Amino acid sequence: MQLKSKPATAITGGESAYTRERKTHALVLETADALREEQRRADFASIDSKASKWRYSVPSTKA
């Protein structure tokens, strides 16, 4: 007598829905990280390194 059904561990289609969902979620997170990194680089590039020199200067005390 032979079994005509597949074993319970075999997954039809190669991947389960959970696996596809996890891969999609990982890709979304990776993309979001890349976009944040790009925005951070653009923001850092626009910072004037000499600005603090003028912004926080000590007022002169000439009497």
Protein backbone atom coordinates (compact mmCIF):
# COMPACT_ATOMS: atom_id res chain seq x y z
CA MET A 1 0.00 0.00 0.00
CA GLN A 2 1.50 3.31 -1.11
CA LEU A 3 0.70 6.78 0.19
CA LYS A 4 -0.90 9.03 -2.42
CA SER A 5 -0.56 12.27 -0.47
CA LYS A 6 2.54 14.40 0.02
CA PRO A 7 4.19 14.55 3.42
CA ALA A 8 3.05 17.39 5.68
CA THR A 9 6.49 19.03 5.57
CA ALA A 10 6.48 19.51 1.80
CA ILE A 11 5.47 23.02 0.76
CA THR A 12 3.72 23.56 -2.54
CA GLY A 13 5.22 26.24 -4.75
CA GLY A 14 8.67 26.23 -3.16
CA GLU A 15 7.98 28.95 -0.56
CA SER A 16 5.33 29.40 2.04
CA ALA A 17 3.27 32.58 2.24
CA TYR A 18 5.04 33.39 5.51
CA THR A 19 8.46 33.15 3.86
CA ARG A 20 7.39 35.43 1.02
CA GLU A 21 5.93 37.90 3.53
CA ARG A 22 9.14 37.93 5.59
CA LYS A 23 11.29 38.47 2.49
CA THR A 24 9.04 41.31 1.35
CA HIS A 25 9.16 42.88 4.81
CA ALA A 26 12.97 42.60 4.89
CA LEU A 27 13.17 44.28 1.48
CA VAL A 28 10.90 47.11 2.63
CA LEU A 29 13.07 47.66 5.72
CA GLU A 30 16.25 47.61 3.63
CA THR A 31 14.80 50.16 1.23
CA ALA A 32 13.69 52.42 4.08
CA ASP A 33 17.16 52.22 5.66
CA ALA A 34 18.78 53.17 2.35
CA LEU A 35 16.43 56.15 1.92
CA ARG A 36 17.11 57.34 5.48
CA GLU A 37 20.85 57.03 4.93
CA GLU A 38 20.64 59.02 1.70
CA GLN A 39 18.60 61.75 3.43
CA ARG A 40 21.05 61.84 6.35
CA ARG A 41 23.98 62.28 3.94
CA ALA A 42 22.17 65.12 2.17
CA ASP A 43 21.37 66.81 5.49
CA PHE A 44 24.95 66.48 6.74
CA ALA A 45 26.28 67.86 3.46
CA SER A 46 24.16 70.98 3.84
CA ILE A 47 25.50 71.79 7.33
CA ASP A 48 27.96 74.66 7.31
CA SER A 49 30.85 73.69 9.56
CA LYS A 50 31.70 77.36 10.16
CA ALA A 51 28.17 78.32 11.22
CA SER A 52 28.74 77.62 14.91
CA LYS A 53 31.58 80.14 14.89
CA TRP A 54 29.08 82.90 14.19
CA ARG A 55 26.06 81.49 15.92
CA TYR A 56 27.70 81.03 19.32
CA SER A 57 30.14 83.91 19.35
CA VAL A 58 30.78 85.64 22.66
CA PRO A 59 29.60 89.26 22.64
CA SER A 60 32.43 91.75 22.94
CA THR A 61 32.57 93.73 26.19
CA LYS A 62 33.87 97.08 24.99
CA ALA A 63 33.22 99.83 27.51
